[in-house]
Amino acid sequence: MPSKTPRAWQRMLSGRRLDLLDPTPVDIEIEDIAHGLAFVARWNGQTMGDFAYSVAEHSLLVETLFSRMNPDAPVKWKLAALLHDAPEYVIGDMISPVKVAVGPEYEDLDKRLMSAIHIRFGLPAALPKTIKAKIKRADQISAWMEAVQIAGFSETEASKVFGRPKPDVIANLDIILRPPLEVRADYNARCTKFLAALD
């Protein structure tokens, strides 16, 4: 007979059992994050192309932008940029209007998961405000690029919503939609590289 208590945990492919209400660092694996994010679509899937634009692909772009704008940043902050949307491997990607409609509960869940993820990979549970702001700016620039290149926004409309990036920051960066398994491998490899550099 099924339990009457609502289930708040998810079984991960690694075999870990992640409790969403009380996540612990020991139940978090980079392979689970890479796999989940590679299959979560940004923009509610409303992007051009034959493949969804995944959160993993977005995260790779955000880390690239962050590193361009902060070339002397330590590896740990590059890793933080790469992991900035990591909780979405279990809670999915909610576009901003939906987050507003749902209210603070989504943000609280996101914060709990992010803290556990940071601790699991040797980062502070809460990032310094200056680093968080720099990652946020890279995130906004990525959103501008996505909006213009694959989500049907004009540059004027995207600039009103996300702010227009400096041309040198986005120079020679084009969004290419790829199969999820390819993106998963790249995300996993970059995380692994950063983690090895921290040891």
C-alpha atoms as a PDB file:
ATOM      1  CA  MET A   1       0.000   0.000   0.000  1.00  0.00           C
ATOM      2  CA  PRO A   2       1.458   3.422  -0.968  1.00  0.00           C
ATOM      3  CA  SER A   3       2.595   5.786   1.773  1.00  0.00           C
ATOM      4  CA  LYS A   4       0.117   8.536   2.671  1.00  0.00           C
ATOM      5  CA  THR A   5       2.988  10.955   3.267  1.00  0.00           C
ATOM      6  CA  PRO A   6       3.608  13.054   0.120  1.00  0.00           C
ATOM      7  CA  ARG A   7       6.932  12.137  -1.461  1.00  0.00           C
ATOM      8  CA  ALA A   8       9.404  15.033  -1.557  1.00  0.00           C
ATOM      9  CA  TRP A   9      12.456  13.131  -2.804  1.00  0.00           C
ATOM     10  CA  GLN A  10      13.600  12.101  -6.253  1.00  0.00           C
ATOM     11  CA  ARG A  11      15.652   9.054  -7.216  1.00  0.00           C
ATOM     12  CA  MET A  12      18.592  10.164  -9.350  1.00  0.00           C
ATOM     13  CA  LEU A  13      20.242   8.090 -12.076  1.00  0.00           C
ATOM     14  CA  SER A  14      23.356   7.831  -9.898  1.00  0.00           C
ATOM     15  CA  GLY A  15      21.215   5.990  -7.347  1.00  0.00           C
ATOM     16  CA  ARG A  16      21.157   8.948  -4.941  1.00  0.00           C
ATOM     17  CA  ARG A  17      17.872   9.897  -3.285  1.00  0.00           C
ATOM     18  CA  LEU A  18      17.623  13.672  -3.175  1.00  0.00           C
ATOM     19  CA  ASP A  19      15.167  15.177  -0.693  1.00  0.00           C
ATOM     20  CA  LEU A  20      14.000  18.437  -2.235  1.00  0.00           C
ATOM     21  CA  LEU A  21      12.812  19.868   1.081  1.00  0.00           C
ATOM     22  CA  ASP A  22      15.977  18.962   2.968  1.00  0.00           C
ATOM     23  CA  PRO A  23      18.761  18.431   0.392  1.00  0.00           C
ATOM     24  CA  THR A  24      22.116  17.197   1.670  1.00  0.00           C
ATOM     25  CA  PRO A  25      25.426  17.615  -0.179  1.00  0.00           C
ATOM     26  CA  VAL A  26      26.158  13.868  -0.074  1.00  0.00           C
ATOM     27  CA  ASP A  27      23.159  13.185  -2.332  1.00  0.00           C
ATOM     28  CA  ILE A  28      24.405  15.475  -5.102  1.00  0.00           C
ATOM     29  CA  GLU A  29      26.528  14.219  -8.006  1.00  0.00           C
ATOM     30  CA  ILE A  30      27.850  16.243 -10.933  1.00  0.00           C
ATOM     31  CA  GLU A  31      26.778  13.544 -13.392  1.00  0.00           C
ATOM     32  CA  ASP A  32      23.157  13.890 -12.221  1.00  0.00           C
ATOM     33  CA  ILE A  33      23.332  17.667 -12.605  1.00  0.00           C
ATOM     34  CA  ALA A  34      24.875  17.448 -16.087  1.00  0.00           C
ATOM     35  CA  HIS A  35      22.292  14.910 -17.227  1.00  0.00           C
ATOM     36  CA  GLY A  36      19.301  16.754 -15.806  1.00  0.00           C
ATOM     37  CA  LEU A  37      20.310  20.189 -17.108  1.00  0.00           C
ATOM     38  CA  ALA A  38      21.027  18.823 -20.596  1.00  0.00           C
ATOM     39  CA  PHE A  39      17.385  17.736 -20.838  1.00  0.00           C
ATOM     40  CA  VAL A  40      15.745  20.843 -19.317  1.00  0.00           C
ATOM     41  CA  ALA A  41      14.677  23.380 -21.958  1.00  0.00           C
ATOM     42  CA  ARG A  42      15.025  27.113 -21.427  1.00  0.00           C
ATOM     43  CA  TRP A  43      12.400  29.566 -22.691  1.00  0.00           C
ATOM     44  CA  ASN A  44       9.727  26.895 -22.086  1.00  0.00           C
ATOM     45  CA  GLY A  45      11.018  25.287 -25.270  1.00  0.00           C
ATOM     46  CA  GLN A  46      10.000  28.312 -27.361  1.00  0.00           C
ATOM     47  CA  THR A  47      13.254  28.499 -29.324  1.00  0.00           C
ATOM     48  CA  MET A  48      14.131  27.972 -32.966  1.00  0.00           C
ATOM     49  CA  GLY A  49      15.991  24.894 -34.149  1.00  0.00           C
ATOM     50  CA  ASP A  50      15.831  21.118 -34.111  1.00  0.00           C
ATOM     51  CA  PHE A  51      16.920  20.749 -30.481  1.00  0.00           C
ATOM     52  CA  ALA A  52      15.748  22.459 -27.317  1.00  0.00           C
ATOM     53  CA  TYR A  53      18.126  25.045 -25.892  1.00  0.00           C
ATOM     54  CA  SER A  54      19.044  23.425 -22.596  1.00  0.00           C
ATOM     55  CA  VAL A  55      19.954  24.878 -19.231  1.00  0.00           C
ATOM     56  CA  ALA A  56      23.286  23.030 -19.530  1.00  0.00           C
ATOM     57  CA  GLU A  57      24.080  24.854 -22.790  1.00  0.00           C
ATOM     58  CA  HIS A  58      23.018  28.142 -21.224  1.00  0.00           C
ATOM     59  CA  SER A  59      25.241  27.469 -18.203  1.00  0.00           C
ATOM     60  CA  LEU A  60      28.259  26.800 -20.428  1.00  0.00           C
ATOM     61  CA  LEU A  61      27.636  30.145 -22.152  1.00  0.00           C
ATOM     62  CA  VAL A  62      27.236  31.996 -18.841  1.00  0.00           C
ATOM     63  CA  GLU A  63      30.560  30.613 -17.587  1.00  0.00           C
ATOM     64  CA  THR A  64      32.249  31.624 -20.863  1.00  0.00           C
ATOM     65  CA  LEU A  65      30.861  35.164 -20.574  1.00  0.00           C
ATOM     66  CA  PHE A  66      31.762  35.400 -16.877  1.00  0.00           C
ATOM     67  CA  SER A  67      35.327  34.292 -17.634  1.00  0.00           C
ATOM     68  CA  ARG A  68      35.628  36.799 -20.492  1.00  0.00           C
ATOM     69  CA  MET A  69      34.499  39.642 -18.263  1.00  0.00           C
ATOM     70  CA  ASN A  70      36.555  38.444 -15.275  1.00  0.00           C
ATOM     71  CA  PRO A  71      39.690  36.846 -16.764  1.00  0.00           C
ATOM     72  CA  ASP A  72      41.515  36.804 -13.433  1.00  0.00           C
ATOM     73  CA  ALA A  73      38.682  35.165 -11.513  1.00  0.00           C
ATOM     74  CA  PRO A  74      39.715  32.096  -9.494  1.00  0.00           C
ATOM     75  CA  VAL A  75      38.543  28.695 -10.710  1.00  0.00           C
ATOM     76  CA  LYS A  76      36.046  28.445  -7.845  1.00  0.00           C
ATOM     77  CA  TRP A  77      34.081  31.423  -9.159  1.00  0.00           C
ATOM     78  CA  LYS A  78      34.135  30.033 -12.706  1.00  0.00           C
ATOM     79  CA  LEU A  79      32.701  26.832 -11.248  1.00  0.00           C
ATOM     80  CA  ALA A  80      30.067  28.889  -9.420  1.00  0.00           C
ATOM     81  CA  ALA A  81      29.113  30.535 -12.725  1.00  0.00           C
ATOM     82  CA  LEU A  82      28.783  27.124 -14.372  1.00  0.00           C
ATOM     83  CA  LEU A  83      26.603  25.891 -11.489  1.00  0.00           C
ATOM     84  CA  HIS A  84      24.471  29.039 -11.249  1.00  0.00           C
ATOM     85  CA  ASP A  85      21.322  27.234 -12.451  1.00  0.00           C
ATOM     86  CA  ALA A  86      22.223  23.773 -11.116  1.00  0.00           C
ATOM     87  CA  PRO A  87      19.088  23.393  -8.915  1.00  0.00           C
ATOM     88  CA  GLU A  88      17.063  23.276 -12.122  1.00  0.00           C
ATOM     89  CA  TYR A  89      18.271  19.716 -12.690  1.00  0.00           C
ATOM     90  CA  VAL A  90      15.503  18.703 -10.299  1.00  0.00           C
ATOM     91  CA  ILE A  91      13.121  21.661 -10.107  1.00  0.00           C
ATOM     92  CA  GLY A  92      13.144  22.581 -13.798  1.00  0.00           C
ATOM     93  CA  ASP A  93      13.515  25.973 -15.440  1.00  0.00           C
ATOM     94  CA  MET A  94      10.725  28.394 -14.734  1.00  0.00           C
ATOM     95  CA  ILE A  95      10.582  31.535 -16.838  1.00  0.00           C
ATOM     96  CA  SER A  96      10.501  34.777 -14.823  1.00  0.00           C
ATOM     97  CA  PRO A  97       6.752  35.471 -15.271  1.00  0.00           C
ATOM     98  CA  VAL A  98       5.928  32.025 -13.842  1.00  0.00           C
ATOM     99  CA  LYS A  99       8.294  32.580 -10.883  1.00  0.00           C
ATOM    100  CA  VAL A 100       6.414  35.783 -10.094  1.00  0.00           C
ATOM    101  CA  ALA A 101       3.100  33.927 -10.239  1.00  0.00           C
ATOM    102  CA  VAL A 102       4.318  31.042  -8.057  1.00  0.00           C
ATOM    103  CA  GLY A 103       5.734  33.319  -5.375  1.00  0.00           C
ATOM    104  CA  PRO A 104       8.581  32.980  -2.862  1.00  0.00           C
ATOM    105  CA  GLU A 105       8.267  29.206  -2.369  1.00  0.00           C
ATOM    106  CA  TYR A 106      10.137  28.493  -5.610  1.00  0.00           C
ATOM    107  CA  GLU A 107      12.957  30.829  -4.599  1.00  0.00           C
ATOM    108  CA  ASP A 108      13.227  29.198  -1.158  1.00  0.00           C
ATOM    109  CA  LEU A 109      13.487  25.747  -2.742  1.00  0.00           C
ATOM    110  CA  ASP A 110      16.078  27.015  -5.201  1.00  0.00           C
ATOM    111  CA  LYS A 111      18.182  28.527  -2.383  1.00  0.00           C
ATOM    112  CA  ARG A 112      18.163  25.320  -0.307  1.00  0.00           C
ATOM    113  CA  LEU A 113      19.261  23.250  -3.271  1.00  0.00           C
ATOM    114  CA  MET A 114      21.916  25.770  -4.311  1.00  0.00           C
ATOM    115  CA  SER A 115      23.424  25.831  -0.831  1.00  0.00           C
ATOM    116  CA  ALA A 116      23.703  22.032  -0.791  1.00  0.00           C
ATOM    117  CA  ILE A 117      25.226  22.015  -4.296  1.00  0.00           C
ATOM    118  CA  HIS A 118      27.779  24.664  -3.363  1.00  0.00           C
ATOM    119  CA  ILE A 119      28.823  22.823  -0.219  1.00  0.00           C
ATOM    120  CA  ARG A 120      29.080  19.528  -2.146  1.00  0.00           C
ATOM    121  CA  PHE A 121      31.628  21.048  -4.521  1.00  0.00           C
ATOM    122  CA  GLY A 122      33.650  23.102  -2.043  1.00  0.00           C
ATOM    123  CA  LEU A 123      32.035  26.498  -2.586  1.00  0.00           C
ATOM    124  CA  PRO A 124      30.532  28.722   0.102  1.00  0.00           C
ATOM    125  CA  ALA A 125      26.847  27.987   0.745  1.00  0.00           C
ATOM    126  CA  ALA A 126      26.069  31.601  -0.209  1.00  0.00           C
ATOM    127  CA  LEU A 127      28.276  33.398  -2.728  1.00  0.00           C
ATOM    128  CA  PRO A 128      29.759  36.816  -1.964  1.00  0.00           C
ATOM    129  CA  LYS A 129      27.445  39.542  -3.257  1.00  0.00           C
ATOM    130  CA  THR A 130      30.060  40.895  -5.669  1.00  0.00           C
ATOM    131  CA  ILE A 131      30.559  37.472  -7.302  1.00  0.00           C
ATOM    132  CA  LYS A 132      26.816  36.823  -7.428  1.00  0.00           C
ATOM    133  CA  ALA A 133      26.320  40.187  -9.177  1.00  0.00           C
ATOM    134  CA  LYS A 134      29.010  39.404 -11.760  1.00  0.00           C
ATOM    135  CA  ILE A 135      27.472  36.008 -12.496  1.00  0.00           C
ATOM    136  CA  LYS A 136      24.053  37.654 -12.747  1.00  0.00           C
ATOM    137  CA  ARG A 137      25.383  40.099 -15.352  1.00  0.00           C
ATOM    138  CA  ALA A 138      26.816  37.205 -17.401  1.00  0.00           C
ATOM    139  CA  ASP A 139      23.420  35.501 -17.058  1.00  0.00           C
ATOM    140  CA  GLN A 140      21.635  38.613 -18.381  1.00  0.00           C
ATOM    141  CA  ILE A 141      24.007  38.871 -21.346  1.00  0.00           C
ATOM    142  CA  SER A 142      23.414  35.208 -22.124  1.00  0.00           C
ATOM    143  CA  ALA A 143      19.655  35.825 -21.973  1.00  0.00           C
ATOM    144  CA  TRP A 144      20.043  38.774 -24.385  1.00  0.00           C
ATOM    145  CA  MET A 145      21.970  36.588 -26.832  1.00  0.00           C
ATOM    146  CA  GLU A 146      19.423  33.785 -26.558  1.00  0.00           C
ATOM    147  CA  ALA A 147      16.503  36.177 -26.956  1.00  0.00           C
ATOM    148  CA  VAL A 148      17.936  37.672 -30.150  1.00  0.00           C
ATOM    149  CA  GLN A 149      19.487  34.576 -31.707  1.00  0.00           C
ATOM    150  CA  ILE A 150      16.945  31.839 -30.981  1.00  0.00           C
ATOM    151  CA  ALA A 151      13.860  33.178 -29.140  1.00  0.00           C
ATOM    152  CA  GLY A 152      12.472  35.646 -31.670  1.00  0.00           C
ATOM    153  CA  PHE A 153      13.207  38.956 -29.882  1.00  0.00           C
ATOM    154  CA  SER A 154      14.385  42.049 -31.727  1.00  0.00           C
ATOM    155  CA  GLU A 155      17.600  43.590 -30.376  1.00  0.00           C
ATOM    156  CA  THR A 156      15.589  46.592 -29.159  1.00  0.00           C
ATOM    157  CA  GLU A 157      13.121  44.420 -27.241  1.00  0.00           C
ATOM    158  CA  ALA A 158      15.871  42.234 -25.755  1.00  0.00           C
ATOM    159  CA  SER A 159      17.835  45.321 -24.700  1.00  0.00           C
ATOM    160  CA  LYS A 160      14.812  46.699 -22.831  1.00  0.00           C
ATOM    161  CA  VAL A 161      14.421  43.455 -20.900  1.00  0.00           C
ATOM    162  CA  PHE A 162      18.034  42.343 -20.350  1.00  0.00           C
ATOM    163  CA  GLY A 163      20.230  45.356 -21.141  1.00  0.00           C
ATOM    164  CA  ARG A 164      22.414  45.584 -24.247  1.00  0.00           C
ATOM    165  CA  PRO A 165      25.797  43.877 -23.851  1.00  0.00           C
ATOM    166  CA  LYS A 166      29.075  45.420 -24.986  1.00  0.00           C
ATOM    167  CA  PRO A 167      30.031  44.102 -28.431  1.00  0.00           C
ATOM    168  CA  ASP A 168      33.465  42.860 -27.327  1.00  0.00           C
ATOM    169  CA  VAL A 169      31.933  40.647 -24.624  1.00  0.00           C
ATOM    170  CA  ILE A 170      29.809  38.684 -27.102  1.00  0.00           C
ATOM    171  CA  ALA A 171      32.201  38.821 -30.072  1.00  0.00           C
ATOM    172  CA  ASN A 172      32.490  35.508 -31.951  1.00  0.00           C
ATOM    173  CA  LEU A 173      29.942  33.801 -29.706  1.00  0.00           C
ATOM    174  CA  ASP A 174      27.079  32.143 -31.546  1.00  0.00           C
ATOM    175  CA  ILE A 175      24.419  29.910 -30.065  1.00  0.00           C
ATOM    176  CA  ILE A 176      24.380  26.520 -31.743  1.00  0.00           C
ATOM    177  CA  LEU A 177      21.685  24.047 -30.725  1.00  0.00           C
ATOM    178  CA  ARG A 178      23.133  20.583 -30.105  1.00  0.00           C
ATOM    179  CA  PRO A 179      21.901  17.126 -29.090  1.00  0.00           C
ATOM    180  CA  PRO A 180      21.437  16.756 -25.300  1.00  0.00           C
ATOM    181  CA  LEU A 181      24.054  14.020 -24.930  1.00  0.00           C
ATOM    182  CA  GLU A 182      26.710  16.223 -26.537  1.00  0.00           C
ATOM    183  CA  VAL A 183      25.842  19.130 -24.260  1.00  0.00           C
ATOM    184  CA  ARG A 184      25.792  16.811 -21.228  1.00  0.00           C
ATOM    185  CA  ALA A 185      29.301  15.596 -22.038  1.00  0.00           C
ATOM    186  CA  ASP A 186      30.641  19.148 -22.412  1.00  0.00           C
ATOM    187  CA  TYR A 187      29.008  20.351 -19.196  1.00  0.00           C
ATOM    188  CA  ASN A 188      30.292  17.353 -17.268  1.00  0.00           C
ATOM    189  CA  ALA A 189      33.803  17.780 -18.702  1.00  0.00           C
ATOM    190  CA  ARG A 190      34.008  21.465 -17.804  1.00  0.00           C
ATOM    191  CA  CYS A 191      32.760  20.838 -14.259  1.00  0.00           C
ATOM    192  CA  THR A 192      35.229  17.983 -13.848  1.00  0.00           C
ATOM    193  CA  LYS A 193      38.064  20.197 -15.095  1.00  0.00           C
ATOM    194  CA  PHE A 194      37.228  22.945 -12.606  1.00  0.00           C
ATOM    195  CA  LEU A 195      36.815  20.499  -9.731  1.00  0.00           C
ATOM    196  CA  ALA A 196      40.200  18.907 -10.502  1.00  0.00           C
ATOM    197  CA  ALA A 197      41.804  22.370 -10.467  1.00  0.00           C
ATOM    198  CA  LEU A 198      40.332  23.033  -7.007  1.00  0.00           C
ATOM    199  CA  ASP A 199      41.870  19.864  -5.477  1.00  0.00           C
END
